[in-house]
Amino acid sequence: MELTRQEKKILIDLSAGKLYKEIAADNFISINTVKKHLKNVYKKLNVSSRTEAVKKYAEQGI
């Protein structure tokens, strides 16, 4: 399953070390929306944590 444009952007922000509240502010969305997108990212990448998601992102160059 492929990530959406918004999911990719949030994953990039996450890999840059941004906090959820920073990601939310930068994207004009709520923290709950950030969490929802990341839940979808984790499911699509078959990972269960921020660290795993960032690692997989770095390895695959999503």
Protein backbone atom coordinates (compact mmCIF):
# COMPACT_ATOMS: atom_id res chain seq x y z
CA MET A 1 0.00 0.00 0.00
CA GLU A 2 1.41 3.38 -0.98
CA LEU A 3 1.58 6.39 1.32
CA THR A 4 -0.46 9.47 0.50
CA ARG A 5 1.23 12.81 -0.12
CA GLN A 6 0.22 14.02 3.35
CA GLU A 7 1.44 10.83 5.02
CA LYS A 8 4.81 11.18 3.27
CA LYS A 9 5.11 14.80 4.38
CA ILE A 10 4.34 13.90 7.98
CA LEU A 11 6.84 11.02 7.85
CA ILE A 12 9.51 13.40 6.53
CA ASP A 13 8.76 15.83 9.37
CA LEU A 14 8.90 12.96 11.84
CA SER A 15 12.28 11.84 10.50
CA ALA A 16 13.53 15.42 10.92
CA GLY A 17 12.86 15.04 14.65
CA LYS A 18 9.83 17.30 14.83
CA LEU A 19 7.32 16.91 17.64
CA TYR A 20 3.68 16.12 16.90
CA LYS A 21 2.67 19.66 17.85
CA GLU A 22 5.27 21.10 15.45
CA ILE A 23 4.08 18.84 12.63
CA ALA A 24 0.49 19.86 13.34
CA ALA A 25 1.33 23.57 13.31
CA ASP A 26 3.42 23.32 10.13
CA ASN A 27 0.63 21.50 8.30
CA PHE A 28 -2.31 23.47 9.77
CA ILE A 29 -3.88 20.32 11.21
CA SER A 30 -4.64 19.09 14.73
CA ILE A 31 -2.38 16.84 16.75
CA ASN A 32 -5.08 14.17 16.54
CA THR A 33 -4.94 14.35 12.74
CA VAL A 34 -1.15 13.91 12.88
CA LYS A 35 -1.65 10.85 15.08
CA LYS A 36 -4.25 9.45 12.66
CA HIS A 37 -1.92 9.90 9.67
CA LEU A 38 0.94 8.27 11.57
CA LYS A 39 -1.28 5.36 12.58
CA ASN A 40 -1.97 4.82 8.86
CA VAL A 41 1.74 5.17 8.04
CA TYR A 42 2.68 2.57 10.67
CA LYS A 43 0.08 0.18 9.30
CA LYS A 44 1.16 0.66 5.68
CA LEU A 45 4.87 0.27 6.53
CA ASN A 46 4.14 -2.64 8.87
CA VAL A 47 5.93 -0.99 11.81
CA SER A 48 4.87 -0.21 15.36
CA SER A 49 6.96 2.77 16.41
CA ARG A 50 8.31 6.16 15.36
CA THR A 51 11.85 4.74 15.31
CA GLU A 52 10.91 1.83 13.05
CA ALA A 53 9.01 4.13 10.69
CA VAL A 54 11.93 6.56 10.39
CA LYS A 55 14.39 3.68 9.90
CA LYS A 56 12.26 2.12 7.17
CA TYR A 57 11.85 5.55 5.55
CA ALA A 58 15.64 6.03 5.51
CA GLU A 59 16.30 2.53 4.16
CA GLN A 60 13.71 2.64 1.40
CA GLY A 61 13.88 6.31 0.51
CA ILE A 62 10.11 6.62 0.46
